[in-house]
Amino acid sequence: FLRPRSCKRNISGERGERETGESDLHRIEYMEKAIDRQRVLLQHLRPSPSSSPNGSHLISASVCAAGDSAAYQRNSCFGDDVVVVAAYRTAICKSKRGGFKDTYPEELLTAVLKALLDKTNLNPNQVGDIVVGTVLAPGAQRATECRMAAFYAGFPETVPVRTVNRQCSSGLQAVADVASAIKAGFYDTGIGAGLESMTTNSMSWDGSINPKVNAFQQAQDCLLPMGITSENVAHRYGVTRQEQDQAAVNSHRKAAAATAAGKFKEEIIPVTTKIVDPKTGEEKQVTISVDDGIRPETSISSLAKLKPVFKKDGSTTAGNSSQVSDGAGAVLLMRRDVAMQNGFPILGVFRSFAAVGVDPAVMGVGPAVAIPAAVKSAGLQIEDIDLFEINEAFASQFVYCCKKLELDATKVNVNGGALALGHPLGATGARSVSTLLNEMKRRGKDCRFGVISMCIGTGMGAAAVFERGDATDGLTNARRLQSHNLLSKDAM
């Protein structure tokens, strides 16, 4: 109905027809402008040739079964949604005693950035920005290290680099920032990464604390040790020591099984580095390609022997808390039409992101609030999600969030989580993207939507929704409804 009709204009001056006057010229000029507007609008509605079947420009629409007036948009046929082309990570190693204890932090980032170039044959000049999530290092120093890592990896001086810090969600925030910039049209190719060396940089507070904090309880709670917030969650929501220890056992068991089955091989980039013997000072060259924090022998009985760390009569122990770790991850994102034109495989599709605030005293509940927000933003429901990667900062908060959202245990952290793998703060979000999308790829058509989420220190939560790369379809239904009301909710 938008196709412009031909406009016949008679200005011949024949008998029975008045000569064209000034008003007719205005009318003709107006019609020409209107026709031009229609042509422009029609062009905007046409899918790009690269994403349309057989190069067709036909457009057809169906009732949105994601719910009337739902936010979920199927726009892959226009080629302007944001896709993940590749996602890699290093192994995750125990800080101060693991495989990366003598490795410079930027070397970890270099390894994953270089892998994106080598494994995809990406032209580094094509990258509009590199955003790195990182937490503990001094801001200016880490930003400099990340810039150096980009040079080490082979990126030219024209590619900019910046860091982002939203604590435990920094790696995911970096991915979300790049996706947002691509969607906004700032550039069409970018990298969201994460880096943390908890060997090099420990959790500490520099300088004095403003005494004003004593007048604001929530500000005081921002300073609580993370272990105390874990105890608060367990106490406030009735999470038992038995439940926490069982979650830890499950995490180690699943991570060990995934490693034995070779599930992490696709995502882990081997890093050749050195190990220094602390007694002799002797250096030994090694290649690290396996997560070294997994303990397959972990059992309920062995964990029960551990004493609480943060509270005398508490339930949070070293065994049911995430490990402090070293690691890095990187995710390559593009606008779909650019990925298709350059022949890149599409591993996944970035659908939505949400960051929320919660009570700092129970910061671990963040995923229970962030996941529904991100899922709703994607126009979906919790039951539409086939796979979850929820960061296991502490078993108490992980157990609570799963129970609060009534999640199917068979869909959550199927290859283990931070209780077994470790939690390199700034890298966890980027690591999770790689783990989630590779598992979705393995599961194929039975796994369409996945969620990544984590709690955040000082009382926040973050979550993102991804779709399996080969599952997208243009202008079709996201989920079936029993009946349709074709009237808009606004009309009703």
Protein backbone atom coordinates (compact mmCIF):
# COMPACT_ATOMS: atom_id res chain seq x y z
CA PHE A 1 0.00 0.00 0.00
CA LEU A 2 3.04 2.23 0.26
CA ARG A 3 3.93 1.84 -3.43
CA PRO A 4 3.44 5.29 -5.04
CA ARG A 5 0.84 5.54 -7.77
CA SER A 6 1.55 7.33 -11.03
CA CYS A 7 0.52 10.97 -10.99
CA LYS A 8 -0.82 12.22 -14.32
CA ARG A 9 -0.46 15.89 -14.82
CA ASN A 10 -2.25 17.74 -17.65
CA ILE A 11 -0.90 21.17 -18.37
CA SER A 12 -1.62 21.19 -22.15
CA GLY A 13 -4.20 23.96 -22.12
CA GLU A 14 -6.63 21.95 -24.33
CA ARG A 15 -10.29 23.01 -24.58
CA GLY A 16 -12.31 21.97 -21.49
CA GLU A 17 -9.21 21.95 -19.28
CA ARG A 18 -8.05 25.07 -17.56
CA GLU A 19 -4.46 26.07 -17.89
CA THR A 20 -2.20 25.17 -15.02
CA GLY A 21 -2.08 28.00 -12.55
CA GLU A 22 0.05 28.73 -9.56
CA SER A 23 -2.07 26.47 -7.30
CA ASP A 24 -1.62 23.52 -9.69
CA LEU A 25 2.15 23.94 -9.64
CA HIS A 26 2.12 23.86 -5.82
CA ARG A 27 -0.06 20.74 -5.94
CA ILE A 28 2.30 19.01 -8.37
CA GLU A 29 5.34 19.93 -6.26
CA TYR A 30 3.61 18.61 -3.12
CA MET A 31 2.71 15.31 -4.84
CA GLU A 32 6.28 14.81 -6.01
CA LYS A 33 7.57 15.33 -2.47
CA ALA A 34 4.98 12.92 -1.11
CA ILE A 35 5.96 10.28 -3.67
CA ASP A 36 9.63 10.71 -2.76
CA ARG A 37 8.82 10.25 0.93
CA GLN A 38 6.95 7.05 0.15
CA ARG A 39 9.86 5.72 -1.87
CA VAL A 40 12.27 6.43 1.00
CA LEU A 41 9.95 4.77 3.52
CA LEU A 42 9.51 1.73 1.31
CA GLN A 43 13.26 1.42 0.90
CA HIS A 44 13.69 1.46 4.71
CA LEU A 45 11.17 -1.35 5.01
CA ARG A 46 12.99 -3.58 2.57
CA PRO A 47 15.38 -6.17 4.05
CA SER A 48 18.95 -6.02 2.87
CA PRO A 49 19.65 -8.28 -0.17
CA SER A 50 22.31 -10.21 1.79
CA SER A 51 19.79 -11.30 4.42
CA SER A 52 16.74 -11.87 2.20
CA PRO A 53 16.12 -15.31 0.70
CA ASN A 54 17.04 -15.39 -3.01
CA GLY A 55 17.69 -11.66 -2.84
CA SER A 56 13.94 -11.05 -2.55
CA HIS A 57 12.66 -7.71 -1.24
CA LEU A 58 9.25 -9.05 -0.31
CA ILE A 59 8.02 -8.20 3.18
CA SER A 60 5.49 -10.25 5.06
CA ALA A 61 4.38 -9.86 8.66
CA SER A 62 2.70 -12.17 11.13
CA VAL A 63 1.05 -11.69 14.48
CA CYS A 64 3.70 -11.31 17.19
CA ALA A 65 3.23 -14.39 19.33
CA ALA A 66 5.68 -13.09 21.94
CA GLY A 67 2.69 -11.26 23.36
CA ASP A 68 0.59 -8.31 22.21
CA SER A 69 2.70 -5.15 22.05
CA ALA A 70 5.72 -7.21 23.17
CA ALA A 71 9.20 -5.75 23.04
CA TYR A 72 10.67 -8.80 21.32
CA GLN A 73 11.67 -7.79 17.80
CA ARG A 74 12.57 -10.19 15.02
CA ASN A 75 14.70 -7.88 12.91
CA SER A 76 17.37 -10.24 11.60
CA CYS A 77 15.93 -9.94 8.08
CA PHE A 78 17.05 -6.32 8.03
CA GLY A 79 20.62 -7.29 8.92
CA ASP A 80 20.94 -4.66 11.64
CA ASP A 81 20.86 -6.79 14.78
CA VAL A 82 24.08 -7.45 16.73
CA VAL A 83 25.68 -10.86 16.46
CA VAL A 84 28.56 -12.66 18.16
CA VAL A 85 31.05 -13.94 15.62
CA ALA A 86 33.56 -15.52 18.00
CA ALA A 87 34.22 -15.81 21.73
CA TYR A 88 37.33 -17.19 23.40
CA ARG A 89 38.87 -17.32 26.85
CA THR A 90 42.01 -18.41 28.59
CA ALA A 91 41.97 -21.19 31.12
CA ILE A 92 41.04 -19.94 34.59
CA CYS A 93 43.80 -20.49 37.12
CA LYS A 94 44.08 -20.15 40.88
CA SER A 95 45.63 -16.85 41.86
CA LYS A 96 49.07 -16.83 43.50
CA ARG A 97 49.54 -20.57 43.06
CA GLY A 98 48.02 -21.49 39.69
CA GLY A 99 49.26 -21.58 36.13
CA PHE A 100 49.22 -17.79 35.62
CA LYS A 101 50.81 -16.72 38.91
CA ASP A 102 53.91 -15.45 37.09
CA THR A 103 52.16 -14.12 33.98
CA TYR A 104 51.75 -10.40 33.29
CA PRO A 105 48.02 -9.49 33.14
CA GLU A 106 48.29 -7.99 29.64
CA GLU A 107 49.68 -11.27 28.34
CA LEU A 108 46.35 -12.95 29.17
CA LEU A 109 44.42 -10.30 27.27
CA THR A 110 46.88 -10.46 24.38
CA ALA A 111 46.25 -14.19 23.98
CA VAL A 112 42.48 -13.87 23.53
CA LEU A 113 42.65 -10.76 21.35
CA LYS A 114 45.16 -12.43 19.05
CA ALA A 115 42.96 -15.53 18.90
CA LEU A 116 40.08 -13.44 17.53
CA LEU A 117 42.32 -12.27 14.69
CA ASP A 118 43.95 -15.61 13.98
CA LYS A 119 40.88 -17.83 14.15
CA THR A 120 38.52 -15.57 12.21
CA ASN A 121 40.98 -13.93 9.78
CA LEU A 122 39.51 -10.63 10.89
CA ASN A 123 41.09 -7.50 9.44
CA PRO A 124 42.13 -5.63 12.61
CA ASN A 125 41.52 -2.30 10.89
CA GLN A 126 37.85 -3.23 10.79
CA VAL A 127 37.46 -3.03 14.59
CA GLY A 128 35.83 0.18 15.80
CA ASP A 129 36.64 -0.23 19.50
CA ILE A 130 37.98 -2.67 22.10
CA VAL A 131 36.26 -2.44 25.50
CA VAL A 132 37.83 -4.37 28.38
CA GLY A 133 36.07 -5.14 31.65
CA THR A 134 38.50 -5.09 34.57
CA VAL A 135 38.11 -4.43 38.29
CA LEU A 136 41.01 -4.49 40.73
CA ALA A 137 43.96 -2.80 39.01
CA PRO A 138 44.49 0.96 39.20
CA GLY A 139 42.42 2.47 36.41
CA ALA A 140 45.09 4.37 34.51
CA GLN A 141 47.60 1.53 34.75
CA ARG A 142 45.18 -1.16 33.57
CA ALA A 143 43.96 1.04 30.72
CA THR A 144 47.57 1.41 29.60
CA GLU A 145 48.20 -2.33 29.90
CA CYS A 146 45.12 -3.05 27.77
CA ARG A 147 46.29 -0.64 25.08
CA MET A 148 49.68 -2.37 25.09
CA ALA A 149 47.97 -5.78 24.84
CA ALA A 150 46.15 -4.64 21.69
CA PHE A 151 49.49 -3.78 20.09
CA TYR A 152 50.99 -7.10 21.18
CA ALA A 153 48.02 -8.89 19.58
CA GLY A 154 48.51 -7.14 16.23
CA PHE A 155 45.99 -4.29 16.26
CA PRO A 156 47.05 -1.05 14.58
CA GLU A 157 47.30 2.27 16.40
CA THR A 158 44.04 3.40 14.80
CA VAL A 159 41.96 0.96 16.89
CA PRO A 160 41.00 2.55 20.24
CA VAL A 161 40.85 0.75 23.58
CA ARG A 162 39.08 1.58 26.83
CA THR A 163 38.24 -0.13 30.10
CA VAL A 164 34.96 -0.44 32.02
CA ASN A 165 34.39 -1.34 35.66
CA ARG A 166 31.05 -2.54 36.98
CA GLN A 167 32.79 -4.92 39.34
CA CYS A 168 31.82 -8.59 38.85
CA SER A 169 29.79 -7.85 35.71
CA SER A 170 32.55 -5.85 33.99
CA GLY A 171 33.20 -8.42 31.27
CA LEU A 172 29.50 -8.66 30.43
CA GLN A 173 29.17 -4.88 30.63
CA ALA A 174 31.98 -4.56 28.07
CA VAL A 175 30.10 -6.86 25.69
CA ALA A 176 26.87 -4.91 26.26
CA ASP A 177 28.64 -1.58 25.66
CA VAL A 178 30.02 -2.79 22.33
CA ALA A 179 26.62 -4.17 21.31
CA SER A 180 25.01 -0.82 22.19
CA ALA A 181 27.58 1.12 20.16
CA ILE A 182 27.04 -1.12 17.14
CA LYS A 183 23.28 -0.73 17.47
CA ALA A 184 23.69 3.05 17.72
CA GLY A 185 25.72 3.08 14.51
CA PHE A 186 29.00 4.30 16.02
CA TYR A 187 30.80 1.39 14.35
CA ASP A 188 29.84 -2.01 12.96
CA THR A 189 32.54 -4.25 14.49
CA GLY A 190 33.83 -4.24 18.06
CA ILE A 191 35.35 -6.41 20.78
CA GLY A 192 34.06 -6.79 24.33
CA ALA A 193 36.65 -8.37 26.61
CA GLY A 194 37.46 -9.04 30.25
CA LEU A 195 40.69 -9.32 32.23
CA GLU A 196 41.63 -9.99 35.83
CA SER A 197 44.83 -11.07 37.53
CA MET A 198 43.95 -11.50 41.20
CA THR A 199 47.54 -12.61 41.68
CA THR A 200 48.76 -9.17 40.65
CA ASN A 201 45.96 -7.07 42.12
CA SER A 202 44.26 -7.99 45.38
CA MET A 203 40.98 -6.64 46.77
CA SER A 204 41.88 -3.67 48.97
CA TRP A 205 40.83 -0.13 49.85
CA ASP A 206 43.28 2.71 49.22
CA GLY A 207 43.15 5.82 51.38
CA SER A 208 40.71 6.77 54.13
CA ILE A 209 36.93 6.43 54.20
CA ASN A 210 34.70 9.49 54.34
CA PRO A 211 33.14 9.66 57.84
CA LYS A 212 29.89 10.72 56.19
CA VAL A 213 29.33 7.01 55.55
CA ASN A 214 28.28 6.60 59.20
CA ALA A 215 25.08 8.53 58.53
CA PHE A 216 23.96 6.31 55.63
CA GLN A 217 23.30 2.65 56.34
CA GLN A 218 23.23 1.60 52.71
CA ALA A 219 26.51 3.40 52.11
CA GLN A 220 27.97 1.49 55.06
CA ASP A 221 26.69 -1.76 53.57
CA CYS A 222 28.62 -1.04 50.38
CA LEU A 223 31.77 -1.60 52.45
CA LEU A 224 30.72 -5.00 53.79
CA PRO A 225 33.08 -7.86 52.93
CA MET A 226 31.51 -9.98 50.21
CA GLY A 227 31.56 -13.00 52.52
CA ILE A 228 29.40 -11.16 55.03
CA THR A 229 26.84 -10.38 52.32
CA SER A 230 26.83 -14.11 51.56
CA GLU A 231 26.06 -14.83 55.20
CA ASN A 232 23.31 -12.20 55.11
CA VAL A 233 21.68 -13.90 52.11
CA ALA A 234 21.84 -17.31 53.78
CA HIS A 235 20.36 -15.95 57.01
CA ARG A 236 17.68 -13.71 55.48
CA TYR A 237 16.43 -16.26 52.96
CA GLY A 238 17.02 -19.50 54.82
CA VAL A 239 19.72 -21.09 52.63
CA THR A 240 21.24 -23.95 54.61
CA ARG A 241 24.88 -25.03 54.84
CA GLN A 242 23.85 -28.38 53.31
CA GLU A 243 22.35 -26.64 50.26
CA GLN A 244 25.47 -24.53 49.80
CA ASP A 245 27.86 -27.46 50.04
CA GLN A 246 25.72 -29.48 47.63
CA ALA A 247 25.85 -26.63 45.10
CA ALA A 248 29.64 -26.65 45.34
CA VAL A 249 29.81 -30.43 44.86
CA ASN A 250 27.54 -30.16 41.81
CA SER A 251 29.67 -27.39 40.30
CA HIS A 252 32.91 -29.34 40.62
CA ARG A 253 31.29 -32.52 39.32
CA LYS A 254 29.85 -30.84 36.23
CA ALA A 255 33.03 -28.88 35.50
CA ALA A 256 35.14 -32.03 35.80
CA ALA A 257 32.79 -33.90 33.46
CA ALA A 258 32.83 -31.06 30.93
CA THR A 259 36.64 -30.96 30.98
CA ALA A 260 36.90 -34.73 30.56
CA ALA A 261 34.49 -34.59 27.61
CA GLY A 262 36.56 -31.85 25.95
CA LYS A 263 33.73 -29.32 26.04
CA PHE A 264 36.00 -26.42 26.91
CA LYS A 265 38.52 -27.05 24.14
CA GLU A 266 36.63 -24.90 21.63
CA GLU A 267 36.61 -21.88 23.91
CA ILE A 268 39.98 -22.07 25.70
CA ILE A 269 43.02 -20.50 24.04
CA PRO A 270 46.27 -22.14 25.23
CA VAL A 271 48.70 -19.62 26.72
CA THR A 272 52.43 -20.29 26.67
CA THR A 273 53.97 -18.65 29.72
CA LYS A 274 56.42 -19.27 32.54
CA ILE A 275 56.20 -20.74 36.02
CA VAL A 276 58.77 -19.64 38.58
CA ASP A 277 59.71 -22.02 41.36
CA PRO A 278 59.25 -19.96 44.57
CA LYS A 279 62.10 -21.80 46.32
CA THR A 280 64.78 -21.93 43.64
CA GLY A 281 63.69 -19.08 41.36
CA GLU A 282 64.02 -21.43 38.40
CA GLU A 283 61.82 -20.54 35.42
CA LYS A 284 60.01 -23.19 33.44
CA GLN A 285 58.10 -22.65 30.21
CA VAL A 286 54.60 -24.13 30.23
CA THR A 287 51.46 -24.01 28.10
CA ILE A 288 48.27 -23.54 30.13
CA SER A 289 45.10 -24.85 28.48
CA VAL A 290 43.06 -26.39 31.32
CA ASP A 291 41.22 -24.75 34.24
CA ASP A 292 43.20 -25.67 37.34
CA GLY A 293 40.71 -24.95 40.11
CA ILE A 294 38.41 -27.91 39.50
CA ARG A 295 38.44 -30.56 42.25
CA PRO A 296 36.65 -33.69 40.94
CA GLU A 297 36.99 -35.41 44.31
CA THR A 298 34.95 -32.76 46.17
CA SER A 299 32.25 -34.30 48.34
CA ILE A 300 29.69 -33.28 50.92
CA SER A 301 31.70 -34.98 53.64
CA SER A 302 34.93 -33.17 52.72
CA LEU A 303 33.22 -29.78 52.53
CA ALA A 304 31.45 -30.36 55.86
CA LYS A 305 34.85 -30.36 57.59
CA LEU A 306 35.59 -26.78 56.55
CA LYS A 307 35.00 -24.00 59.07
CA PRO A 308 33.06 -20.81 58.27
CA VAL A 309 35.37 -18.01 57.13
CA PHE A 310 33.44 -14.81 57.73
CA LYS A 311 31.21 -15.53 60.72
CA LYS A 312 31.78 -17.86 63.66
CA ASP A 313 28.39 -19.52 63.42
CA GLY A 314 27.99 -18.89 59.70
CA SER A 315 27.73 -21.19 56.69
CA THR A 316 30.02 -19.60 54.08
CA THR A 317 33.30 -21.50 53.74
CA ALA A 318 36.24 -21.60 51.38
CA GLY A 319 34.62 -24.66 49.81
CA ASN A 320 31.27 -23.06 48.94
CA SER A 321 32.67 -19.71 47.76
CA SER A 322 34.12 -18.88 44.35
CA GLN A 323 37.87 -19.09 43.97
CA VAL A 324 40.03 -16.00 43.43
CA SER A 325 41.47 -16.47 39.98
CA ASP A 326 43.39 -15.18 36.97
CA GLY A 327 42.01 -15.19 33.43
CA ALA A 328 40.76 -13.29 30.38
CA GLY A 329 38.12 -13.56 27.67
CA ALA A 330 37.20 -11.73 24.47
CA VAL A 331 34.04 -11.56 22.34
CA LEU A 332 33.89 -10.34 18.72
CA LEU A 333 30.60 -8.63 17.81
CA MET A 334 29.31 -7.28 14.49
CA ARG A 335 26.22 -5.96 12.84
CA ARG A 336 24.64 -8.95 11.11
CA ASP A 337 24.87 -7.67 7.55
CA VAL A 338 28.58 -6.93 7.98
CA ALA A 339 29.19 -10.42 9.36
CA MET A 340 27.31 -11.99 6.45
CA GLN A 341 29.01 -9.88 3.79
CA ASN A 342 32.41 -10.90 5.15
CA GLY A 343 31.53 -14.57 5.50
CA PHE A 344 31.82 -14.80 9.30
CA PRO A 345 29.92 -17.56 11.09
CA ILE A 346 27.29 -16.35 13.55
CA LEU A 347 27.75 -17.98 16.94
CA GLY A 348 24.99 -16.08 18.71
CA VAL A 349 22.78 -13.00 18.72
CA PHE A 350 22.82 -10.34 21.44
CA ARG A 351 19.19 -9.73 22.38
CA SER A 352 19.03 -7.69 25.60
CA PHE A 353 20.88 -6.49 28.66
CA ALA A 354 19.78 -5.21 32.07
CA ALA A 355 21.65 -3.89 35.10
CA VAL A 356 19.67 -3.38 38.32
CA GLY A 357 20.30 -2.20 41.86
CA VAL A 358 19.54 -4.20 45.02
CA ASP A 359 20.19 -3.93 48.75
CA PRO A 360 23.99 -3.82 49.24
CA ALA A 361 23.71 -5.95 52.39
CA VAL A 362 22.46 -8.87 50.26
CA MET A 363 24.16 -7.98 46.99
CA GLY A 364 24.10 -11.64 45.92
CA VAL A 365 20.40 -11.54 45.08
CA GLY A 366 21.17 -9.41 42.00
CA PRO A 367 20.53 -12.15 39.40
CA ALA A 368 17.05 -12.81 40.84
CA VAL A 369 16.13 -9.25 39.85
CA ALA A 370 18.30 -8.74 36.77
CA ILE A 371 17.29 -11.93 34.94
CA PRO A 372 13.55 -11.12 34.84
CA ALA A 373 14.39 -7.57 33.70
CA ALA A 374 16.61 -8.74 30.82
CA VAL A 375 14.17 -11.47 29.78
CA LYS A 376 11.27 -9.01 29.76
CA SER A 377 13.34 -6.55 27.74
CA ALA A 378 13.83 -9.28 25.14
CA GLY A 379 10.06 -9.82 24.97
CA LEU A 380 10.39 -13.31 26.44
CA GLN A 381 9.46 -15.17 29.60
CA ILE A 382 11.65 -17.17 31.98
CA GLU A 383 10.25 -20.44 30.63
CA ASP A 384 11.47 -19.48 27.14
CA ILE A 385 15.10 -19.64 28.31
CA ASP A 386 16.81 -22.94 27.55
CA LEU A 387 20.14 -22.39 29.28
CA PHE A 388 21.47 -20.23 32.13
CA GLU A 389 25.01 -19.21 33.08
CA ILE A 390 24.68 -17.69 36.55
CA ASN A 391 27.91 -16.72 38.26
CA GLU A 392 28.47 -18.67 41.45
CA ALA A 393 30.09 -15.93 43.51
CA PHE A 394 28.87 -17.71 46.64
CA ALA A 395 26.78 -20.84 46.91
CA SER A 396 24.30 -19.04 49.17
CA GLN A 397 23.33 -16.43 46.58
CA PHE A 398 23.42 -18.91 43.70
CA VAL A 399 21.04 -21.29 45.51
CA TYR A 400 18.72 -18.45 46.51
CA CYS A 401 18.49 -17.00 42.98
CA CYS A 402 17.73 -20.39 41.43
CA LYS A 403 15.03 -21.05 44.02
CA LYS A 404 13.54 -17.55 43.76
CA LEU A 405 13.20 -17.81 39.96
CA GLU A 406 12.13 -21.49 40.17
CA LEU A 407 14.73 -22.45 37.58
CA ASP A 408 15.03 -25.98 36.22
CA ALA A 409 18.34 -27.25 37.64
CA THR A 410 19.07 -29.12 34.41
CA LYS A 411 19.28 -25.78 32.57
CA VAL A 412 21.62 -23.95 34.96
CA ASN A 413 25.44 -23.99 34.80
CA VAL A 414 25.45 -27.33 33.02
CA ASN A 415 29.26 -27.28 32.77
CA GLY A 416 29.88 -26.03 36.28
CA GLY A 417 30.42 -22.49 37.50
CA ALA A 418 32.68 -20.22 39.52
CA LEU A 419 32.61 -22.47 42.60
CA ALA A 420 34.70 -24.89 40.53
CA LEU A 421 36.17 -22.84 37.70
CA GLY A 422 36.96 -19.68 39.64
CA HIS A 423 35.88 -16.05 39.35
CA PRO A 424 38.43 -13.64 37.82
CA LEU A 425 36.23 -10.62 38.48
CA GLY A 426 36.57 -8.58 35.29
CA ALA A 427 36.83 -11.60 33.01
CA THR A 428 33.88 -13.68 34.24
CA GLY A 429 31.27 -12.00 32.01
CA ALA A 430 33.29 -12.48 28.81
CA ARG A 431 34.17 -16.03 29.84
CA SER A 432 30.50 -16.81 30.36
CA VAL A 433 29.58 -15.65 26.84
CA SER A 434 32.02 -18.14 25.38
CA THR A 435 30.84 -20.97 27.63
CA LEU A 436 27.14 -20.29 27.03
CA LEU A 437 27.23 -19.88 23.24
CA ASN A 438 29.44 -22.90 22.67
CA GLU A 439 27.10 -25.05 24.74
CA MET A 440 24.06 -23.67 22.87
CA LYS A 441 25.79 -24.51 19.60
CA ARG A 442 26.38 -28.10 20.75
CA ARG A 443 22.73 -28.51 21.77
CA GLY A 444 21.42 -27.23 18.46
CA LYS A 445 17.73 -26.72 17.78
CA ASP A 446 16.68 -27.74 21.29
CA CYS A 447 18.45 -24.71 22.76
CA ARG A 448 17.43 -21.35 21.37
CA PHE A 449 17.72 -18.74 24.15
CA GLY A 450 20.36 -18.40 26.85
CA VAL A 451 20.95 -16.03 29.76
CA ILE A 452 24.11 -14.86 31.51
CA SER A 453 23.83 -13.20 34.91
CA MET A 454 25.83 -12.30 37.99
CA CYS A 455 25.59 -10.40 41.24
CA ILE A 456 27.68 -7.26 41.66
CA GLY A 457 29.46 -5.85 44.71
CA THR A 458 27.80 -2.84 46.41
CA GLY A 459 24.38 -4.24 45.54
CA MET A 460 23.60 -4.74 41.86
CA GLY A 461 22.87 -7.45 39.35
CA ALA A 462 23.35 -7.78 35.59
CA ALA A 463 21.93 -10.13 32.97
CA ALA A 464 21.94 -10.52 29.20
CA VAL A 465 19.88 -12.63 26.79
CA PHE A 466 21.49 -14.35 23.81
CA GLU A 467 19.99 -16.36 20.98
CA ARG A 468 21.68 -19.25 19.22
CA GLY A 469 23.25 -18.03 16.00
CA ASP A 470 21.47 -20.29 13.51
CA ALA A 471 18.06 -19.97 15.16
CA THR A 472 17.04 -16.51 13.97
CA ASP A 473 14.26 -15.96 11.49
CA GLY A 474 12.75 -12.79 10.17
CA LEU A 475 9.35 -11.43 11.15
CA THR A 476 8.14 -14.71 12.63
CA ASN A 477 6.76 -15.74 15.97
CA ALA A 478 8.95 -16.11 19.03
CA ARG A 479 6.52 -18.40 20.86
CA ARG A 480 3.07 -19.83 20.29
CA LEU A 481 -0.07 -18.54 21.95
CA GLN A 482 -3.32 -20.46 22.32
CA SER A 483 -5.33 -17.54 20.99
CA HIS A 484 -4.64 -14.14 19.51
CA ASN A 485 -6.23 -10.81 20.26
CA LEU A 486 -5.47 -8.77 17.18
CA LEU A 487 -6.27 -5.49 18.85
CA SER A 488 -3.48 -3.48 20.41
CA LYS A 489 -3.56 -3.19 24.17
CA ASP A 490 -3.53 0.57 23.68
CA ALA A 491 -6.74 0.33 21.62
CA MET A 492 -8.41 -1.73 24.31
